[in-house]
Amino acid sequence: MVSKLDFFWDVGSTNSYFALKFLKPLAAKYGVEISYRPLNLGYVFRHHNYVLMEEPKTKIDNRKIDLMRWARKYDLPFKLPTVFPIKTSRALRGSIAMRDWEFEAEYVEAIFDAYWEDGDNEIGEYASLRAIAARLGVDPDEFEAKAEGDIVRTAIIAETEQALAEGIFGAPIIRIEDQMYWGKDRMEFVEAHLAGAPV
């Protein structure tokens, strides 16, 4: 039986937003723990010489239309942000910092909701992140100090490098045992794996 899975994510990834929304109920259904694995997607893209915003305009325009289809189909309050892309390193470090308070899962969902539902274009800045920490009952000063500390700064670099070493090439990726499922549209395979069916 599967007891744990890895969820590789970056808050700047549209598909990570959808994947998280779909993954949480599946994990609850099968009693599986989600291990949140933040990674700096910008660094991963640079590592692979990929520039998202240099894709053909027609592809980018179609992606926006397609994302809204997904939002309507699954009745999610997803909105396209007015500022994209954004720098996410502070938000990512915040996730690691929140482990000390055991609020990582709640924090991750809160930052995704803030950016992709509430239109908070400042989610990469501490003004927004501190407010989320406060709502979770964490002292904002302590949260920011930890997120800015050398231990956490080193940790997010190490997490991203480790992900690359493990063959992670983007986000979202859900890893269950030795299998990787890339993107928001692999949940049928994810559920089959969790249910013990062949995939």
Protein backbone atom coordinates (compact mmCIF):
# COMPACT_ATOMS: atom_id res chain seq x y z
CA MET A 1 0.00 0.00 0.00
CA VAL A 2 1.18 3.50 -0.83
CA SER A 3 1.50 5.67 2.29
CA LYS A 4 3.20 8.77 0.88
CA LEU A 5 3.68 10.67 -2.37
CA ASP A 6 5.81 13.60 -3.46
CA PHE A 7 4.26 16.75 -4.92
CA PHE A 8 6.79 18.95 -6.73
CA TRP A 9 5.41 22.45 -7.16
CA ASP A 10 6.00 26.15 -7.66
CA VAL A 11 3.31 28.74 -6.90
CA GLY A 12 4.04 30.42 -10.25
CA SER A 13 2.87 27.29 -12.08
CA THR A 14 -0.75 27.36 -13.26
CA ASN A 15 -0.87 23.60 -13.56
CA SER A 16 0.46 23.20 -10.03
CA TYR A 17 -2.61 25.13 -8.82
CA PHE A 18 -4.97 22.71 -10.54
CA ALA A 19 -2.94 19.65 -9.60
CA LEU A 20 -3.05 20.59 -5.92
CA LYS A 21 -6.83 21.00 -6.03
CA PHE A 22 -7.24 17.59 -7.63
CA LEU A 23 -4.58 15.80 -5.59
CA LYS A 24 -5.72 16.69 -2.08
CA PRO A 25 -9.05 14.82 -2.23
CA LEU A 26 -7.35 11.80 -3.82
CA ALA A 27 -4.75 11.70 -1.07
CA ALA A 28 -7.50 11.95 1.55
CA LYS A 29 -9.53 9.20 -0.15
CA TYR A 30 -6.63 6.74 -0.11
CA GLY A 31 -5.11 7.85 3.19
CA VAL A 32 -1.86 8.98 1.58
CA GLU A 33 0.40 11.68 3.00
CA ILE A 34 1.47 14.45 0.60
CA SER A 35 5.12 15.42 0.90
CA TYR A 36 5.34 18.98 -0.41
CA ARG A 37 8.49 19.46 -2.48
CA PRO A 38 8.92 23.14 -3.43
CA LEU A 39 11.32 23.84 -6.27
CA ASN A 40 12.41 27.00 -8.02
CA LEU A 41 10.83 26.44 -11.41
CA GLY A 42 12.68 29.39 -12.94
CA TYR A 43 15.97 27.71 -12.05
CA VAL A 44 14.73 24.40 -13.47
CA PHE A 45 13.73 26.13 -16.71
CA ARG A 46 17.13 27.81 -16.99
CA HIS A 47 18.82 24.48 -16.32
CA HIS A 48 17.00 23.07 -19.36
CA ASN A 49 17.36 26.23 -21.49
CA TYR A 50 13.59 26.69 -21.60
CA VAL A 51 11.94 30.14 -21.63
CA LEU A 52 8.20 29.96 -21.05
CA MET A 53 7.31 33.40 -22.38
CA GLU A 54 9.25 32.82 -25.60
CA GLU A 55 6.73 30.23 -26.75
CA PRO A 56 4.65 31.20 -29.80
CA LYS A 57 2.00 33.80 -28.96
CA THR A 58 -0.73 31.60 -30.37
CA LYS A 59 0.28 28.81 -27.97
CA ILE A 60 0.31 31.17 -24.99
CA ASP A 61 -3.09 32.58 -25.96
CA ASN A 62 -4.55 29.10 -26.33
CA ARG A 63 -3.13 28.06 -22.96
CA LYS A 64 -5.08 30.88 -21.30
CA ILE A 65 -8.31 29.76 -22.96
CA ASP A 66 -7.64 26.15 -21.98
CA LEU A 67 -6.98 27.05 -18.35
CA MET A 68 -10.37 28.75 -18.13
CA ARG A 69 -11.97 25.61 -19.57
CA TRP A 70 -10.47 23.61 -16.71
CA ALA A 71 -11.68 26.16 -14.17
CA ARG A 72 -15.24 25.99 -15.52
CA LYS A 73 -15.25 22.20 -15.79
CA TYR A 74 -14.19 21.72 -12.17
CA ASP A 75 -15.97 24.80 -10.78
CA LEU A 76 -12.79 26.35 -9.41
CA PRO A 77 -12.50 30.10 -8.74
CA PHE A 78 -9.34 30.31 -10.85
CA LYS A 79 -8.47 33.68 -12.36
CA LEU A 80 -5.64 34.66 -14.65
CA PRO A 81 -3.38 37.06 -12.74
CA THR A 82 -2.67 40.50 -14.13
CA VAL A 83 1.04 40.06 -13.40
CA PHE A 84 2.72 36.93 -14.74
CA PRO A 85 5.27 35.55 -14.25
CA ILE A 86 6.32 36.58 -10.75
CA LYS A 87 9.36 35.87 -8.61
CA THR A 88 8.44 33.06 -6.24
CA SER A 89 11.60 32.44 -4.21
CA ARG A 90 10.28 34.08 -1.03
CA ALA A 91 7.01 32.15 -1.22
CA LEU A 92 8.96 28.92 -1.75
CA ARG A 93 11.23 29.60 1.19
CA GLY A 94 8.13 30.34 3.25
CA SER A 95 6.93 26.80 2.61
CA ILE A 96 10.10 25.37 4.09
CA ALA A 97 9.95 27.80 7.01
CA MET A 98 6.38 26.71 7.80
CA ARG A 99 7.57 23.16 8.42
CA ASP A 100 8.75 24.29 11.84
CA TRP A 101 5.16 25.21 12.74
CA GLU A 102 3.65 22.18 10.93
CA PHE A 103 1.60 24.47 8.70
CA GLU A 104 3.27 23.71 5.38
CA ALA A 105 0.18 22.18 3.73
CA GLU A 106 -2.08 25.04 4.84
CA TYR A 107 0.47 27.63 3.75
CA VAL A 108 0.92 26.06 0.30
CA GLU A 109 -2.82 26.07 -0.35
CA ALA A 110 -3.10 29.65 0.92
CA ILE A 111 -0.44 31.04 -1.41
CA PHE A 112 -1.91 29.24 -4.42
CA ASP A 113 -5.36 30.59 -3.59
CA ALA A 114 -4.02 34.09 -3.07
CA TYR A 115 -2.33 34.25 -6.48
CA TRP A 116 -4.59 32.16 -8.69
CA GLU A 117 -7.96 32.93 -7.12
CA ASP A 118 -7.72 36.25 -5.28
CA GLY A 119 -5.49 38.06 -7.76
CA ASP A 120 -2.75 38.84 -5.25
CA ASN A 121 0.13 39.75 -7.55
CA GLU A 122 2.30 40.48 -4.50
CA ILE A 123 2.31 36.88 -3.27
CA GLY A 124 6.04 36.78 -3.89
CA GLU A 125 6.57 39.61 -1.39
CA TYR A 126 6.62 39.46 2.39
CA ALA A 127 3.71 41.85 2.87
CA SER A 128 1.37 39.19 1.48
CA LEU A 129 3.24 36.23 2.94
CA ARG A 130 3.30 37.76 6.42
CA ALA A 131 -0.47 38.22 6.29
CA ILE A 132 -0.88 34.53 5.45
CA ALA A 133 1.44 33.55 8.29
CA ALA A 134 -0.63 35.65 10.69
CA ARG A 135 -3.87 33.99 9.52
CA LEU A 136 -2.27 30.63 10.27
CA GLY A 137 -1.39 31.79 13.77
CA VAL A 138 2.34 32.21 13.10
CA ASP A 139 4.11 35.35 14.22
CA PRO A 140 4.91 37.24 10.98
CA ASP A 141 8.26 38.52 12.24
CA GLU A 142 9.39 35.03 13.21
CA PHE A 143 8.14 33.66 9.90
CA GLU A 144 10.01 36.24 7.81
CA ALA A 145 13.18 35.86 9.85
CA LYS A 146 13.15 32.10 9.37
CA ALA A 147 12.35 32.35 5.64
CA GLU A 148 15.21 34.82 5.18
CA GLY A 149 17.65 32.84 7.31
CA ASP A 150 20.64 31.02 5.88
CA ILE A 151 19.26 27.58 6.76
CA VAL A 152 16.08 28.02 4.70
CA ARG A 153 17.87 29.87 1.89
CA THR A 154 20.26 26.95 1.58
CA ALA A 155 17.39 24.46 1.87
CA ILE A 156 15.41 25.72 -1.15
CA ILE A 157 18.55 25.59 -3.30
CA ALA A 158 19.23 22.08 -2.07
CA GLU A 159 15.61 21.02 -2.65
CA THR A 160 15.73 22.27 -6.24
CA GLU A 161 19.10 20.67 -6.93
CA GLN A 162 17.93 17.42 -5.38
CA ALA A 163 14.79 17.46 -7.53
CA LEU A 164 16.91 17.87 -10.66
CA ALA A 165 19.15 15.03 -9.53
CA GLU A 166 16.04 12.87 -9.11
CA GLY A 167 14.98 13.56 -12.70
CA ILE A 168 12.35 16.20 -11.96
CA PHE A 169 12.06 18.48 -14.99
CA GLY A 170 9.10 20.72 -14.24
CA ALA A 171 6.02 21.29 -12.12
CA PRO A 172 3.69 19.91 -11.15
CA ILE A 173 5.08 16.43 -10.87
CA ILE A 174 3.51 13.85 -8.59
CA ARG A 175 5.84 10.98 -7.75
CA ILE A 176 4.45 7.78 -6.31
CA GLU A 177 7.01 5.12 -5.55
CA ASP A 178 9.14 4.95 -8.73
CA GLN A 179 6.60 6.56 -11.07
CA MET A 180 6.29 10.23 -12.05
CA TYR A 181 3.06 11.85 -13.23
CA TRP A 182 3.56 15.23 -14.87
CA GLY A 183 0.84 17.86 -15.10
CA LYS A 184 -2.68 18.42 -13.87
CA ASP A 185 -4.25 15.97 -16.32
CA ARG A 186 -2.68 12.74 -15.00
CA MET A 187 -5.02 12.26 -12.06
CA GLU A 188 -6.64 9.18 -13.61
CA PHE A 189 -3.23 7.48 -13.50
CA VAL A 190 -2.48 8.87 -10.04
CA GLU A 191 -5.71 7.42 -8.66
CA ALA A 192 -5.11 4.09 -10.36
CA HIS A 193 -1.67 3.91 -8.77
CA LEU A 194 -3.04 4.80 -5.34
CA ALA A 195 -5.76 2.18 -5.76
CA GLY A 196 -3.17 -0.49 -6.57
CA ALA A 197 -4.23 -0.88 -10.21
CA PRO A 198 -1.63 -1.33 -12.97
CA VAL A 199 -0.50 1.95 -14.56
